[in-house]
N, C-alpha and C. Protein backbone atom coordinates (compact mmCIF):
# COMPACT_ATOMS: atom_id res chain seq x y z
N UNK A 1 113.43 82.65 59.78
CA UNK A 1 113.60 82.08 61.06
C UNK A 1 113.27 80.60 61.05
N UNK A 2 112.20 80.32 60.30
CA UNK A 2 111.71 78.84 60.26
C UNK A 2 112.71 78.08 59.59
N UNK A 3 113.40 78.55 58.56
CA UNK A 3 114.42 77.76 57.76
C UNK A 3 115.84 77.80 58.42
N UNK A 4 115.97 78.63 59.40
CA UNK A 4 117.24 78.68 60.10
C UNK A 4 118.38 79.15 59.15
N UNK A 5 118.05 80.12 58.21
CA UNK A 5 119.03 80.62 57.36
C UNK A 5 118.97 82.16 57.39
N UNK A 6 120.16 82.69 57.09
CA UNK A 6 120.32 84.14 56.92
C UNK A 6 120.75 84.45 55.53
N UNK A 7 120.10 85.44 54.85
CA UNK A 7 120.55 85.75 53.51
C UNK A 7 121.48 86.94 53.59
N UNK A 8 122.67 86.85 53.02
CA UNK A 8 123.64 87.88 52.98
C UNK A 8 123.75 88.47 51.54
N UNK A 9 123.67 89.75 51.34
CA UNK A 9 123.76 90.35 50.00
C UNK A 9 125.14 91.05 50.00
N UNK A 10 126.02 90.48 49.25
CA UNK A 10 127.35 90.99 49.13
C UNK A 10 127.58 91.89 47.93
N UNK A 11 126.52 92.38 47.34
CA UNK A 11 126.48 93.39 46.25
C UNK A 11 126.72 92.62 44.98
N UNK A 12 127.71 91.81 44.91
CA UNK A 12 128.05 90.98 43.68
C UNK A 12 127.25 89.66 43.67
N UNK A 13 126.87 89.19 44.76
CA UNK A 13 126.09 87.98 44.81
C UNK A 13 125.41 87.83 46.12
N UNK A 14 124.40 87.06 46.18
CA UNK A 14 123.66 86.76 47.41
C UNK A 14 123.91 85.36 47.90
N UNK A 15 123.97 85.18 49.15
CA UNK A 15 124.19 83.84 49.78
C UNK A 15 123.46 83.59 51.01
N UNK A 16 122.83 82.43 50.97
CA UNK A 16 122.11 82.04 52.21
C UNK A 16 123.04 81.12 53.06
N UNK A 17 123.07 81.47 54.32
CA UNK A 17 123.93 80.71 55.29
C UNK A 17 123.09 80.11 56.35
N UNK A 18 123.26 78.77 56.53
CA UNK A 18 122.60 78.14 57.70
C UNK A 18 123.10 78.60 58.97
N UNK A 19 122.29 78.85 59.93
CA UNK A 19 122.61 79.24 61.21
C UNK A 19 122.26 78.30 62.27
N UNK A 20 122.91 78.34 63.41
CA UNK A 20 122.63 77.31 64.43
C UNK A 20 121.39 77.78 65.18
N UNK A 21 120.52 76.86 65.53
CA UNK A 21 119.29 77.29 66.27
C UNK A 21 119.63 77.86 67.62
N UNK A 22 118.84 78.91 67.94
CA UNK A 22 119.11 79.59 69.24
C UNK A 22 118.27 78.77 70.34
N UNK A 23 118.93 78.44 71.41
CA UNK A 23 118.25 77.82 72.54
C UNK A 23 118.33 78.73 73.74
N UNK A 24 117.25 79.14 74.29
CA UNK A 24 117.27 80.05 75.46
C UNK A 24 117.95 79.23 76.64
N UNK A 25 118.51 80.09 77.50
CA UNK A 25 119.16 79.53 78.79
C UNK A 25 118.14 79.47 79.88
N UNK A 26 117.10 78.73 79.64
CA UNK A 26 116.14 78.55 80.73
C UNK A 26 116.21 77.20 81.33
N UNK A 27 116.22 77.20 82.65
CA UNK A 27 116.37 75.94 83.31
C UNK A 27 115.17 75.14 83.56
N UNK A 28 114.09 75.78 83.81
CA UNK A 28 112.82 75.16 84.17
C UNK A 28 111.81 75.15 83.09
N UNK A 29 112.01 75.96 81.98
CA UNK A 29 110.85 76.07 81.05
C UNK A 29 111.51 76.26 79.72
N UNK A 30 110.73 75.67 78.75
CA UNK A 30 111.23 75.82 77.30
C UNK A 30 110.53 77.00 76.61
N UNK A 31 109.72 77.70 77.37
CA UNK A 31 109.00 78.91 76.86
C UNK A 31 109.86 80.15 77.08
N UNK A 32 109.81 81.09 76.12
CA UNK A 32 110.59 82.33 76.23
C UNK A 32 109.61 83.47 76.51
N UNK A 33 109.96 84.31 77.36
CA UNK A 33 109.03 85.52 77.75
C UNK A 33 108.88 86.36 76.44
N UNK A 34 107.64 86.91 76.37
CA UNK A 34 107.36 87.79 75.28
C UNK A 34 108.24 88.94 75.15
N UNK A 35 108.62 89.41 76.25
CA UNK A 35 109.65 90.56 76.31
C UNK A 35 110.95 90.27 75.71
N UNK A 36 111.43 89.07 76.04
CA UNK A 36 112.67 88.58 75.48
C UNK A 36 112.58 88.49 74.00
N UNK A 37 111.51 87.88 73.52
CA UNK A 37 111.35 87.74 72.06
C UNK A 37 111.36 89.17 71.44
N UNK A 38 110.64 90.08 72.04
CA UNK A 38 110.60 91.44 71.35
C UNK A 38 112.01 92.03 71.40
N UNK A 39 112.77 91.83 72.38
CA UNK A 39 114.18 92.47 72.43
C UNK A 39 114.89 91.80 71.29
N UNK A 40 114.87 90.55 71.11
CA UNK A 40 115.59 89.82 70.10
C UNK A 40 115.14 90.27 68.68
N UNK A 41 113.88 90.47 68.45
CA UNK A 41 113.37 91.03 67.23
C UNK A 41 113.80 92.41 66.91
N UNK A 42 113.91 93.26 67.92
CA UNK A 42 114.38 94.64 67.72
C UNK A 42 115.86 94.58 67.44
N UNK A 43 116.59 93.76 68.22
CA UNK A 43 118.08 93.63 67.88
C UNK A 43 118.38 93.19 66.53
N UNK A 44 117.66 92.11 65.97
CA UNK A 44 117.93 91.66 64.64
C UNK A 44 117.44 92.64 63.52
N UNK A 45 116.37 93.36 63.83
CA UNK A 45 115.92 94.37 62.93
C UNK A 45 116.89 95.53 62.84
N UNK A 46 117.46 95.85 63.93
CA UNK A 46 118.44 97.00 64.02
C UNK A 46 119.67 96.53 63.26
N UNK A 47 120.22 95.39 63.46
CA UNK A 47 121.39 94.88 62.76
C UNK A 47 121.15 94.90 61.27
N UNK A 48 119.97 94.41 60.79
CA UNK A 48 119.69 94.47 59.39
C UNK A 48 119.64 95.82 58.77
N UNK A 49 119.33 96.84 59.60
CA UNK A 49 119.22 98.12 58.97
C UNK A 49 120.53 98.89 58.94
N UNK A 50 121.52 98.37 59.68
CA UNK A 50 122.76 99.13 59.72
C UNK A 50 123.43 99.17 58.44
N UNK A 51 124.04 100.27 58.15
CA UNK A 51 124.92 100.35 56.83
C UNK A 51 126.28 99.85 57.09
N UNK A 52 126.83 99.17 56.12
CA UNK A 52 128.22 98.73 56.22
C UNK A 52 128.92 98.93 54.93
N UNK A 53 130.25 99.04 55.05
CA UNK A 53 131.03 99.24 53.70
C UNK A 53 132.33 98.62 53.90
N UNK A 54 132.88 98.33 52.74
CA UNK A 54 134.25 97.90 52.65
C UNK A 54 135.08 98.79 51.93
N UNK A 55 136.23 99.19 52.55
CA UNK A 55 137.04 100.21 51.91
C UNK A 55 137.49 99.70 50.53
N UNK A 56 137.87 100.68 49.72
CA UNK A 56 138.35 100.38 48.34
C UNK A 56 139.57 99.46 48.27
N UNK A 57 140.56 99.83 49.19
CA UNK A 57 141.74 98.91 49.25
C UNK A 57 141.41 97.46 49.64
N UNK A 58 140.54 97.32 50.63
CA UNK A 58 140.21 95.93 50.98
C UNK A 58 139.38 95.29 49.95
N UNK A 59 138.50 95.94 49.16
CA UNK A 59 137.86 95.42 48.13
C UNK A 59 138.82 94.86 47.03
N UNK A 60 139.95 95.51 46.81
CA UNK A 60 140.99 95.06 45.86
C UNK A 60 141.62 93.84 46.36
N UNK A 61 141.90 93.76 47.71
CA UNK A 61 142.49 92.47 48.29
C UNK A 61 141.58 91.33 48.17
N UNK A 62 140.28 91.54 48.40
CA UNK A 62 139.24 90.53 48.41
C UNK A 62 139.14 90.01 46.94
N UNK A 63 139.02 90.86 46.05
CA UNK A 63 139.06 90.54 44.58
C UNK A 63 140.21 89.82 44.10
N UNK A 64 141.37 90.25 44.50
CA UNK A 64 142.58 89.51 44.09
C UNK A 64 142.62 88.06 44.68
N UNK A 65 142.22 87.97 45.96
CA UNK A 65 142.20 86.65 46.55
C UNK A 65 141.17 85.68 45.93
N UNK A 66 140.01 86.31 45.63
CA UNK A 66 138.96 85.51 44.98
C UNK A 66 139.39 85.06 43.69
N UNK A 67 140.09 85.88 42.80
CA UNK A 67 140.52 85.47 41.46
C UNK A 67 141.57 84.45 41.63
N UNK A 68 142.56 84.58 42.52
CA UNK A 68 143.67 83.64 42.78
C UNK A 68 143.09 82.24 43.14
N UNK A 69 142.06 82.28 44.06
CA UNK A 69 141.48 81.02 44.49
C UNK A 69 140.80 80.29 43.39
N UNK A 70 140.00 81.10 42.50
CA UNK A 70 139.33 80.50 41.38
C UNK A 70 140.31 79.92 40.31
N UNK A 71 141.45 80.62 40.20
CA UNK A 71 142.39 80.14 39.25
C UNK A 71 142.96 78.79 39.69
N UNK A 72 143.15 78.73 40.96
CA UNK A 72 143.66 77.39 41.62
C UNK A 72 142.72 76.33 41.53
N UNK A 73 141.41 76.57 41.75
CA UNK A 73 140.34 75.61 41.70
C UNK A 73 139.17 76.17 40.95
N UNK A 74 139.09 75.57 39.71
CA UNK A 74 138.02 76.13 38.84
C UNK A 74 136.59 75.76 39.31
N UNK A 75 136.50 74.76 40.16
CA UNK A 75 135.13 74.35 40.64
C UNK A 75 134.66 75.26 41.78
N UNK A 76 135.56 76.07 42.23
CA UNK A 76 135.14 76.96 43.40
C UNK A 76 134.06 77.87 43.01
N UNK A 77 132.96 77.99 43.80
CA UNK A 77 131.88 78.79 43.51
C UNK A 77 131.77 79.87 44.60
N UNK A 78 130.88 80.91 44.46
CA UNK A 78 130.73 81.93 45.41
C UNK A 78 130.38 81.46 46.77
N UNK A 79 129.56 80.35 46.91
CA UNK A 79 129.16 79.86 48.11
C UNK A 79 130.26 79.28 48.93
N UNK A 80 131.22 78.88 48.29
CA UNK A 80 132.45 78.20 48.93
C UNK A 80 133.40 79.14 49.71
N UNK A 81 133.40 80.43 49.30
CA UNK A 81 134.32 81.37 49.89
C UNK A 81 134.02 81.61 51.35
N UNK A 82 132.81 81.49 51.84
CA UNK A 82 132.55 81.57 53.28
C UNK A 82 133.11 80.47 54.06
N UNK A 83 133.47 79.34 53.39
CA UNK A 83 133.98 78.24 54.10
C UNK A 83 135.43 78.14 54.03
N UNK A 84 136.18 79.03 53.34
CA UNK A 84 137.59 78.97 53.20
C UNK A 84 138.16 79.52 54.51
N UNK A 85 139.26 78.85 54.95
CA UNK A 85 139.95 79.42 56.13
C UNK A 85 140.92 80.44 55.82
N UNK A 86 141.44 81.16 56.81
CA UNK A 86 142.29 82.27 56.55
C UNK A 86 143.73 81.72 56.66
């Protein structure tokens, strides 16, 4: 949280992504209630523990697109794929 980065593990490589700082919607105070912080901690911990998967057919599409993009631009690195538009 201090570095404002989230690390994603894509199984083939890991990538740190900068995130925008969260600013509470408080009109009169910059302090956040302890209960709100606890809720956010629980939410983030829950998301982190959820299992996810990519179906085999989609893995093939992603792999094909990645190879094609690298053939087109040899300087392209894993970190650049998150910045590519659709």
